[in-house]
Amino acid sequence: MRRTIVSFVAGLALVAAATLATAQGPGRQGGGRGPGGFGMQGPGMRGAMGGGLGLLRIAEVQAELKMTQPQIAKLDSAQESLRMAMREIFQGGGQDQTPEARQQQFEKLEQLQNKAVAEILDQTQLKRFNELELQRMGSGALSRPTVARELGISEEQQLKIREIRQKQMEEMRASFQGGFQQMTPEERQAQFTKMQEAREKTDAAVLGVLTPAQKARFTEMKGKPFKFPARAPGFGRGNRPGGPGGPGGPGGAPPA
């Protein structure tokens, strides 16, 4: 069971790395996020994809927000509190959960993430943080209830986005058949590149669902473009996500 979980998380980390690389490619402003969308990927993935508290661990982001050392020192305790809250939220949840129940979990987790960040940053920092997070998440931010409401995304648009994300998930699932842990470093890099290309195609399709007015508002919400540091996919001991930019790695979100 543990081996299955580790394999899944390792695969998720590669998805995250590919997503972030796409989102912060040269000359681009926020262009991607991980698999899912409405119903599949929600706020619960923010930490894994470099958002939430994980974003505050990036040195360049800390400098952009002008965070003080006392603020930075609060990150570890805030992350631990969030981990404990996550366990409580998802305890007893399983594959048989309804989409509505899962969405409620994600919304509750988003509220906890927002609260944790707000307790560390002042109002000026928080405004810029929200802009940076949207840039980092790219089109994946459309999965967040608060963003969807702000943009006025209709049920019909949500359905189209779900269909696009579902197709992407099926393609990713097929590409991981055979086991991620059995891949050589070269095969992993090839997979990473392939997923980057798939992300660009998916992101273009997702953003294409928005109206011109919604696109303009989304761009406005992201604020002044920020160049995130490039992170390469990597894994720590035991093939656990621990490379730069990955969950638990330098500049990435700590493992939950």
C-alpha atoms as a PDB file:
ATOM      1  CA  MET A   1       0.000   0.000   0.000  1.00  0.00           C
ATOM      2  CA  ARG A   2       2.790   2.410   0.954  1.00  0.00           C
ATOM      3  CA  ARG A   3       4.603   1.634  -2.303  1.00  0.00           C
ATOM      4  CA  THR A   4       1.461   2.494  -4.257  1.00  0.00           C
ATOM      5  CA  ILE A   5       1.079   5.804  -2.432  1.00  0.00           C
ATOM      6  CA  VAL A   6       4.734   6.729  -2.941  1.00  0.00           C
ATOM      7  CA  SER A   7       4.489   5.899  -6.636  1.00  0.00           C
ATOM      8  CA  PHE A   8       1.378   8.050  -6.997  1.00  0.00           C
ATOM      9  CA  VAL A   9       2.910  10.997  -5.159  1.00  0.00           C
ATOM     10  CA  ALA A  10       6.074  10.705  -7.235  1.00  0.00           C
ATOM     11  CA  GLY A  11       4.007  10.858 -10.379  1.00  0.00           C
ATOM     12  CA  LEU A  12       2.070  13.818  -9.028  1.00  0.00           C
ATOM     13  CA  ALA A  13       5.321  15.640  -8.349  1.00  0.00           C
ATOM     14  CA  LEU A  14       6.375  15.193 -11.964  1.00  0.00           C
ATOM     15  CA  VAL A  15       3.014  16.561 -13.062  1.00  0.00           C
ATOM     16  CA  ALA A  16       3.561  19.518 -10.738  1.00  0.00           C
ATOM     17  CA  ALA A  17       7.057  20.146 -12.058  1.00  0.00           C
ATOM     18  CA  ALA A  18       5.879  20.035 -15.659  1.00  0.00           C
ATOM     19  CA  THR A  19       3.038  22.371 -14.812  1.00  0.00           C
ATOM     20  CA  LEU A  20       5.222  24.956 -13.099  1.00  0.00           C
ATOM     21  CA  ALA A  21       7.797  24.866 -15.871  1.00  0.00           C
ATOM     22  CA  THR A  22       5.033  25.569 -18.361  1.00  0.00           C
ATOM     23  CA  ALA A  23       3.575  28.316 -16.182  1.00  0.00           C
ATOM     24  CA  GLN A  24       6.871  30.156 -15.842  1.00  0.00           C
ATOM     25  CA  GLY A  25       8.448  29.549 -19.223  1.00  0.00           C
ATOM     26  CA  PRO A  26      10.507  32.305 -20.878  1.00  0.00           C
ATOM     27  CA  GLY A  27       8.441  35.364 -21.634  1.00  0.00           C
ATOM     28  CA  ARG A  28       5.242  33.826 -20.340  1.00  0.00           C
ATOM     29  CA  GLN A  29       3.015  34.844 -17.491  1.00  0.00           C
ATOM     30  CA  GLY A  30       1.432  32.015 -15.550  1.00  0.00           C
ATOM     31  CA  GLY A  31       0.339  29.326 -17.953  1.00  0.00           C
ATOM     32  CA  GLY A  32      -0.300  26.059 -16.212  1.00  0.00           C
ATOM     33  CA  ARG A  33      -1.179  23.905 -13.323  1.00  0.00           C
ATOM     34  CA  GLY A  34      -1.626  20.255 -12.557  1.00  0.00           C
ATOM     35  CA  PRO A  35      -4.201  17.804 -13.741  1.00  0.00           C
ATOM     36  CA  GLY A  36      -7.838  18.167 -13.055  1.00  0.00           C
ATOM     37  CA  GLY A  37     -10.006  21.240 -13.140  1.00  0.00           C
ATOM     38  CA  PHE A  38     -13.516  21.615 -11.865  1.00  0.00           C
ATOM     39  CA  GLY A  39     -14.340  18.497  -9.905  1.00  0.00           C
ATOM     40  CA  MET A  40     -10.876  16.928 -10.177  1.00  0.00           C
ATOM     41  CA  GLN A  41      -8.366  19.544  -9.199  1.00  0.00           C
ATOM     42  CA  GLY A  42      -9.415  22.009  -6.575  1.00  0.00           C
ATOM     43  CA  PRO A  43      -7.859  24.193  -3.910  1.00  0.00           C
ATOM     44  CA  GLY A  44      -6.572  21.079  -2.197  1.00  0.00           C
ATOM     45  CA  MET A  45      -3.838  20.919  -4.802  1.00  0.00           C
ATOM     46  CA  ARG A  46      -2.545  24.437  -4.168  1.00  0.00           C
ATOM     47  CA  GLY A  47       0.309  23.352  -1.928  1.00  0.00           C
ATOM     48  CA  ALA A  48       1.373  20.513  -4.193  1.00  0.00           C
ATOM     49  CA  MET A  49       1.455  22.823  -7.187  1.00  0.00           C
ATOM     50  CA  GLY A  50       3.509  25.545  -5.543  1.00  0.00           C
ATOM     51  CA  GLY A  51       0.670  27.708  -4.237  1.00  0.00           C
ATOM     52  CA  GLY A  52      -0.475  28.470  -0.704  1.00  0.00           C
ATOM     53  CA  LEU A  53       2.205  28.347   1.975  1.00  0.00           C
ATOM     54  CA  GLY A  54       4.554  26.572  -0.431  1.00  0.00           C
ATOM     55  CA  LEU A  55       4.775  29.722  -2.526  1.00  0.00           C
ATOM     56  CA  LEU A  56       6.052  31.668   0.491  1.00  0.00           C
ATOM     57  CA  ARG A  57       9.032  29.313   0.776  1.00  0.00           C
ATOM     58  CA  ILE A  58      10.512  30.522  -2.506  1.00  0.00           C
ATOM     59  CA  ALA A  59      13.296  33.006  -1.736  1.00  0.00           C
ATOM     60  CA  GLU A  60      12.503  35.184  -4.738  1.00  0.00           C
ATOM     61  CA  VAL A  61       8.864  35.425  -3.657  1.00  0.00           C
ATOM     62  CA  GLN A  62       9.922  36.337  -0.122  1.00  0.00           C
ATOM     63  CA  ALA A  63      12.029  39.144  -1.594  1.00  0.00           C
ATOM     64  CA  GLU A  64       9.188  40.331  -3.846  1.00  0.00           C
ATOM     65  CA  LEU A  65       6.851  40.483  -0.843  1.00  0.00           C
ATOM     66  CA  LYS A  66       9.548  42.033   1.376  1.00  0.00           C
ATOM     67  CA  MET A  67       8.921  39.412   4.042  1.00  0.00           C
ATOM     68  CA  THR A  68      10.704  39.883   7.358  1.00  0.00           C
ATOM     69  CA  GLN A  69      12.666  37.165   9.138  1.00  0.00           C
ATOM     70  CA  PRO A  70       9.984  36.824  11.853  1.00  0.00           C
ATOM     71  CA  GLN A  71       7.408  36.235   9.102  1.00  0.00           C
ATOM     72  CA  ILE A  72       9.578  33.621   7.398  1.00  0.00           C
ATOM     73  CA  ALA A  73      10.127  31.907  10.754  1.00  0.00           C
ATOM     74  CA  LYS A  74       6.371  31.339  11.064  1.00  0.00           C
ATOM     75  CA  LEU A  75       6.204  29.147   7.938  1.00  0.00           C
ATOM     76  CA  ASP A  76       7.176  25.850   9.590  1.00  0.00           C
ATOM     77  CA  SER A  77       4.595  26.036  12.364  1.00  0.00           C
ATOM     78  CA  ALA A  78       1.915  27.221   9.927  1.00  0.00           C
ATOM     79  CA  GLN A  79       2.669  24.313   7.590  1.00  0.00           C
ATOM     80  CA  GLU A  80       2.491  21.792  10.428  1.00  0.00           C
ATOM     81  CA  SER A  81      -0.867  23.175  11.559  1.00  0.00           C
ATOM     82  CA  LEU A  82      -2.140  22.910   7.998  1.00  0.00           C
ATOM     83  CA  ARG A  83      -0.940  19.296   7.727  1.00  0.00           C
ATOM     84  CA  MET A  84      -2.895  18.369  10.829  1.00  0.00           C
ATOM     85  CA  ALA A  85      -5.991  20.137   9.517  1.00  0.00           C
ATOM     86  CA  MET A  86      -5.668  18.304   6.199  1.00  0.00           C
ATOM     87  CA  ARG A  87      -5.600  14.949   7.964  1.00  0.00           C
ATOM     88  CA  GLU A  88      -8.819  15.827   9.775  1.00  0.00           C
ATOM     89  CA  ILE A  89     -10.513  17.077   6.611  1.00  0.00           C
ATOM     90  CA  PHE A  90      -9.663  14.047   4.492  1.00  0.00           C
ATOM     91  CA  GLN A  91      -9.856  11.400   7.210  1.00  0.00           C
ATOM     92  CA  GLY A  92     -12.336   8.758   6.171  1.00  0.00           C
ATOM     93  CA  GLY A  93     -12.615  10.132   2.640  1.00  0.00           C
ATOM     94  CA  GLY A  94     -12.274   7.658  -0.191  1.00  0.00           C
ATOM     95  CA  GLN A  95     -12.869   6.949  -3.839  1.00  0.00           C
ATOM     96  CA  ASP A  96     -16.596   6.523  -3.175  1.00  0.00           C
ATOM     97  CA  GLN A  97     -17.009  10.171  -2.192  1.00  0.00           C
ATOM     98  CA  THR A  98     -19.434  12.228  -4.228  1.00  0.00           C
ATOM     99  CA  PRO A  99     -18.038  15.127  -6.287  1.00  0.00           C
ATOM    100  CA  GLU A 100     -20.004  17.493  -4.044  1.00  0.00           C
ATOM    101  CA  ALA A 101     -18.433  16.098  -0.859  1.00  0.00           C
ATOM    102  CA  ARG A 102     -14.968  16.261  -2.376  1.00  0.00           C
ATOM    103  CA  GLN A 103     -15.536  19.842  -3.496  1.00  0.00           C
ATOM    104  CA  GLN A 104     -16.615  20.783   0.029  1.00  0.00           C
ATOM    105  CA  GLN A 105     -13.347  19.346   1.337  1.00  0.00           C
ATOM    106  CA  PHE A 106     -11.366  21.363  -1.181  1.00  0.00           C
ATOM    107  CA  GLU A 107     -13.229  24.562  -0.335  1.00  0.00           C
ATOM    108  CA  LYS A 108     -12.593  24.049   3.365  1.00  0.00           C
ATOM    109  CA  LEU A 109      -8.920  23.460   2.673  1.00  0.00           C
ATOM    110  CA  GLU A 110      -8.759  26.626   0.576  1.00  0.00           C
ATOM    111  CA  GLN A 111     -10.192  28.578   3.496  1.00  0.00           C
ATOM    112  CA  LEU A 112      -7.528  27.121   5.796  1.00  0.00           C
ATOM    113  CA  GLN A 113      -4.779  27.981   3.293  1.00  0.00           C
ATOM    114  CA  ASN A 114      -6.050  31.545   2.998  1.00  0.00           C
ATOM    115  CA  LYS A 115      -6.231  31.906   6.778  1.00  0.00           C
ATOM    116  CA  ALA A 116      -2.695  30.554   7.259  1.00  0.00           C
ATOM    117  CA  VAL A 117      -1.231  32.959   4.700  1.00  0.00           C
ATOM    118  CA  ALA A 118      -3.241  35.928   6.022  1.00  0.00           C
ATOM    119  CA  GLU A 119      -1.884  35.330   9.534  1.00  0.00           C
ATOM    120  CA  ILE A 120       1.675  35.764   8.227  1.00  0.00           C
ATOM    121  CA  LEU A 121       1.421  38.603   5.695  1.00  0.00           C
ATOM    122  CA  ASP A 122       0.190  42.167   6.039  1.00  0.00           C
ATOM    123  CA  GLN A 123      -2.503  43.542   3.721  1.00  0.00           C
ATOM    124  CA  THR A 124      -0.087  44.965   1.139  1.00  0.00           C
ATOM    125  CA  GLN A 125       1.879  41.721   1.001  1.00  0.00           C
ATOM    126  CA  LEU A 126      -1.301  39.664   0.831  1.00  0.00           C
ATOM    127  CA  LYS A 127      -2.592  41.556  -2.206  1.00  0.00           C
ATOM    128  CA  ARG A 128       0.635  40.908  -4.116  1.00  0.00           C
ATOM    129  CA  PHE A 129       0.752  37.302  -2.900  1.00  0.00           C
ATOM    130  CA  ASN A 130      -2.696  36.661  -4.372  1.00  0.00           C
ATOM    131  CA  GLU A 131      -1.497  38.027  -7.708  1.00  0.00           C
ATOM    132  CA  LEU A 132       1.641  35.880  -7.645  1.00  0.00           C
ATOM    133  CA  GLU A 133      -0.336  32.780  -6.766  1.00  0.00           C
ATOM    134  CA  LEU A 134      -2.649  33.248  -9.742  1.00  0.00           C
ATOM    135  CA  GLN A 135       0.375  33.667 -12.009  1.00  0.00           C
ATOM    136  CA  ARG A 136       1.933  30.525 -10.578  1.00  0.00           C
ATOM    137  CA  MET A 137      -1.250  28.488 -10.988  1.00  0.00           C
ATOM    138  CA  GLY A 138      -2.131  29.816 -14.423  1.00  0.00           C
ATOM    139  CA  SER A 139      -5.297  28.356 -15.940  1.00  0.00           C
ATOM    140  CA  GLY A 140      -5.502  25.908 -13.031  1.00  0.00           C
ATOM    141  CA  ALA A 141      -6.602  28.826 -10.848  1.00  0.00           C
ATOM    142  CA  LEU A 142      -9.951  28.687 -12.631  1.00  0.00           C
ATOM    143  CA  SER A 143     -10.666  25.591 -10.523  1.00  0.00           C
ATOM    144  CA  ARG A 144     -10.731  27.659  -7.352  1.00  0.00           C
ATOM    145  CA  PRO A 145     -14.282  28.604  -6.310  1.00  0.00           C
ATOM    146  CA  THR A 146     -13.266  32.166  -5.415  1.00  0.00           C
ATOM    147  CA  VAL A 147     -11.685  32.747  -8.828  1.00  0.00           C
ATOM    148  CA  ALA A 148     -14.570  31.117 -10.685  1.00  0.00           C
ATOM    149  CA  ARG A 149     -17.048  33.342  -8.875  1.00  0.00           C
ATOM    150  CA  GLU A 150     -14.999  36.484  -9.488  1.00  0.00           C
ATOM    151  CA  LEU A 151     -14.854  35.735 -13.217  1.00  0.00           C
ATOM    152  CA  GLY A 152     -18.493  34.700 -13.403  1.00  0.00           C
ATOM    153  CA  ILE A 153     -17.711  31.329 -14.969  1.00  0.00           C
ATOM    154  CA  SER A 154     -20.982  29.670 -15.963  1.00  0.00           C
ATOM    155  CA  GLU A 155     -21.976  26.037 -15.422  1.00  0.00           C
ATOM    156  CA  GLU A 156     -21.636  25.457 -19.158  1.00  0.00           C
ATOM    157  CA  GLN A 157     -18.082  26.793 -19.080  1.00  0.00           C
ATOM    158  CA  GLN A 158     -17.295  24.659 -16.041  1.00  0.00           C
ATOM    159  CA  LEU A 159     -18.513  21.599 -17.915  1.00  0.00           C
ATOM    160  CA  LYS A 160     -16.274  22.387 -20.882  1.00  0.00           C
ATOM    161  CA  ILE A 161     -13.283  22.875 -18.583  1.00  0.00           C
ATOM    162  CA  ARG A 162     -14.015  19.569 -16.833  1.00  0.00           C
ATOM    163  CA  GLU A 163     -14.098  17.796 -20.178  1.00  0.00           C
ATOM    164  CA  ILE A 164     -10.761  19.306 -21.204  1.00  0.00           C
ATOM    165  CA  ARG A 165      -9.147  18.398 -17.879  1.00  0.00           C
ATOM    166  CA  GLN A 166     -10.620  14.902 -17.921  1.00  0.00           C
ATOM    167  CA  LYS A 167      -9.169  14.242 -21.354  1.00  0.00           C
ATOM    168  CA  GLN A 168      -5.791  15.438 -20.118  1.00  0.00           C
ATOM    169  CA  MET A 169      -6.008  13.201 -17.056  1.00  0.00           C
ATOM    170  CA  GLU A 170      -6.760  10.168 -19.198  1.00  0.00           C
ATOM    171  CA  GLU A 171      -3.763  10.908 -21.402  1.00  0.00           C
ATOM    172  CA  MET A 172      -1.497  11.368 -18.368  1.00  0.00           C
ATOM    173  CA  ARG A 173      -2.783   8.193 -16.763  1.00  0.00           C
ATOM    174  CA  ALA A 174      -2.028   6.262 -19.933  1.00  0.00           C
ATOM    175  CA  SER A 175       1.480   7.712 -20.128  1.00  0.00           C
ATOM    176  CA  PHE A 176       2.236   6.541 -16.578  1.00  0.00           C
ATOM    177  CA  GLN A 177       1.323   2.923 -17.247  1.00  0.00           C
ATOM    178  CA  GLY A 178       4.305   0.718 -16.534  1.00  0.00           C
ATOM    179  CA  GLY A 179       5.329   2.539 -13.365  1.00  0.00           C
ATOM    180  CA  PHE A 180       7.025   5.872 -12.823  1.00  0.00           C
ATOM    181  CA  GLN A 181       9.574   4.483 -10.364  1.00  0.00           C
ATOM    182  CA  GLN A 182      10.883   2.071 -12.979  1.00  0.00           C
ATOM    183  CA  MET A 183      11.827   4.914 -15.338  1.00  0.00           C
ATOM    184  CA  THR A 184      15.443   5.891 -15.876  1.00  0.00           C
ATOM    185  CA  PRO A 185      16.426   9.551 -15.326  1.00  0.00           C
ATOM    186  CA  GLU A 186      16.445  10.000 -19.094  1.00  0.00           C
ATOM    187  CA  GLU A 187      12.957   8.509 -19.415  1.00  0.00           C
ATOM    188  CA  ARG A 188      11.688  10.759 -16.639  1.00  0.00           C
ATOM    189  CA  GLN A 189      13.104  13.811 -18.368  1.00  0.00           C
ATOM    190  CA  ALA A 190      11.500  12.742 -21.641  1.00  0.00           C
ATOM    191  CA  GLN A 191       8.201  12.278 -19.812  1.00  0.00           C
ATOM    192  CA  PHE A 192       8.582  15.695 -18.231  1.00  0.00           C
ATOM    193  CA  THR A 193       9.118  17.325 -21.633  1.00  0.00           C
ATOM    194  CA  LYS A 194       6.159  15.476 -23.105  1.00  0.00           C
ATOM    195  CA  MET A 195       3.932  16.634 -20.268  1.00  0.00           C
ATOM    196  CA  GLN A 196       5.075  20.237 -20.681  1.00  0.00           C
ATOM    197  CA  GLU A 197       3.924  20.137 -24.290  1.00  0.00           C
ATOM    198  CA  ALA A 198       0.609  18.573 -23.277  1.00  0.00           C
ATOM    199  CA  ARG A 199       0.143  21.258 -20.611  1.00  0.00           C
ATOM    200  CA  GLU A 200       0.570  24.085 -23.103  1.00  0.00           C
ATOM    201  CA  LYS A 201      -2.069  22.557 -25.350  1.00  0.00           C
ATOM    202  CA  THR A 202      -4.457  22.006 -22.438  1.00  0.00           C
ATOM    203  CA  ASP A 203      -3.945  25.485 -20.994  1.00  0.00           C
ATOM    204  CA  ALA A 204      -4.700  27.092 -24.348  1.00  0.00           C
ATOM    205  CA  ALA A 205      -7.898  25.048 -24.584  1.00  0.00           C
ATOM    206  CA  VAL A 206      -8.977  25.923 -21.027  1.00  0.00           C
ATOM    207  CA  LEU A 207      -8.349  29.646 -21.448  1.00  0.00           C
ATOM    208  CA  GLY A 208     -10.175  29.453 -24.769  1.00  0.00           C
ATOM    209  CA  VAL A 209     -13.367  28.676 -22.844  1.00  0.00           C
ATOM    210  CA  LEU A 210     -13.346  32.149 -21.274  1.00  0.00           C
ATOM    211  CA  THR A 211     -14.966  35.176 -22.853  1.00  0.00           C
ATOM    212  CA  PRO A 212     -12.755  38.161 -23.813  1.00  0.00           C
ATOM    213  CA  ALA A 213     -14.046  40.034 -20.758  1.00  0.00           C
ATOM    214  CA  GLN A 214     -13.241  37.107 -18.459  1.00  0.00           C
ATOM    215  CA  LYS A 215      -9.750  36.794 -19.929  1.00  0.00           C
ATOM    216  CA  ALA A 216      -9.143  40.505 -19.413  1.00  0.00           C
ATOM    217  CA  ARG A 217     -10.309  40.313 -15.806  1.00  0.00           C
ATOM    218  CA  PHE A 218      -8.173  37.226 -15.157  1.00  0.00           C
ATOM    219  CA  THR A 219      -5.105  39.037 -16.521  1.00  0.00           C
ATOM    220  CA  GLU A 220      -5.915  42.018 -14.300  1.00  0.00           C
ATOM    221  CA  MET A 221      -6.231  39.754 -11.247  1.00  0.00           C
ATOM    222  CA  LYS A 222      -2.715  38.405 -11.849  1.00  0.00           C
ATOM    223  CA  GLY A 223      -1.149  41.857 -11.550  1.00  0.00           C
ATOM    224  CA  LYS A 224       2.345  42.795 -12.680  1.00  0.00           C
ATOM    225  CA  PRO A 225       4.122  39.801 -14.296  1.00  0.00           C
ATOM    226  CA  PHE A 226       6.669  38.125 -12.029  1.00  0.00           C
ATOM    227  CA  LYS A 227       9.448  35.842 -13.249  1.00  0.00           C
ATOM    228  CA  PHE A 228       9.542  32.755 -11.058  1.00  0.00           C
ATOM    229  CA  PRO A 229      12.862  30.909 -10.717  1.00  0.00           C
ATOM    230  CA  ALA A 230      13.271  27.928 -13.014  1.00  0.00           C
ATOM    231  CA  ARG A 231      12.968  24.596 -11.225  1.00  0.00           C
ATOM    232  CA  ALA A 232      13.948  21.237 -12.645  1.00  0.00           C
ATOM    233  CA  PRO A 233      12.131  18.010 -11.746  1.00  0.00           C
ATOM    234  CA  GLY A 234      13.896  15.912  -9.148  1.00  0.00           C
ATOM    235  CA  PHE A 235      13.361  13.436  -6.354  1.00  0.00           C
ATOM    236  CA  GLY A 236      14.880  12.964  -2.946  1.00  0.00           C
ATOM    237  CA  ARG A 237      15.657   9.798  -1.068  1.00  0.00           C
ATOM    238  CA  GLY A 238      13.587   6.794  -1.917  1.00  0.00           C
ATOM    239  CA  ASN A 239      12.214   8.446  -5.081  1.00  0.00           C
ATOM    240  CA  ARG A 240      10.066  10.691  -2.950  1.00  0.00           C
ATOM    241  CA  PRO A 241       9.306  14.149  -4.316  1.00  0.00           C
ATOM    242  CA  GLY A 242      12.156  16.244  -3.032  1.00  0.00           C
ATOM    243  CA  GLY A 243      13.810  17.929  -5.967  1.00  0.00           C
ATOM    244  CA  PRO A 244      13.914  21.646  -6.536  1.00  0.00           C
ATOM    245  CA  GLY A 245      10.458  23.044  -6.937  1.00  0.00           C
ATOM    246  CA  GLY A 246       8.768  19.770  -6.067  1.00  0.00           C
ATOM    247  CA  PRO A 247       6.817  19.087  -2.892  1.00  0.00           C
ATOM    248  CA  GLY A 248       9.352  18.956  -0.122  1.00  0.00           C
ATOM    249  CA  GLY A 249      12.193  20.273  -2.259  1.00  0.00           C
ATOM    250  CA  PRO A 250      13.922  23.644  -2.317  1.00  0.00           C
ATOM    251  CA  GLY A 251      11.494  26.305  -3.400  1.00  0.00           C
ATOM    252  CA  GLY A 252       8.600  23.876  -3.410  1.00  0.00           C
ATOM    253  CA  ALA A 253       5.776  23.028  -1.101  1.00  0.00           C
ATOM    254  CA  PRO A 254       6.657  20.834   1.879  1.00  0.00           C
ATOM    255  CA  PRO A 255       5.108  17.381   1.696  1.00  0.00           C
ATOM    256  CA  ALA A 256       1.721  17.268   3.392  1.00  0.00           C
END
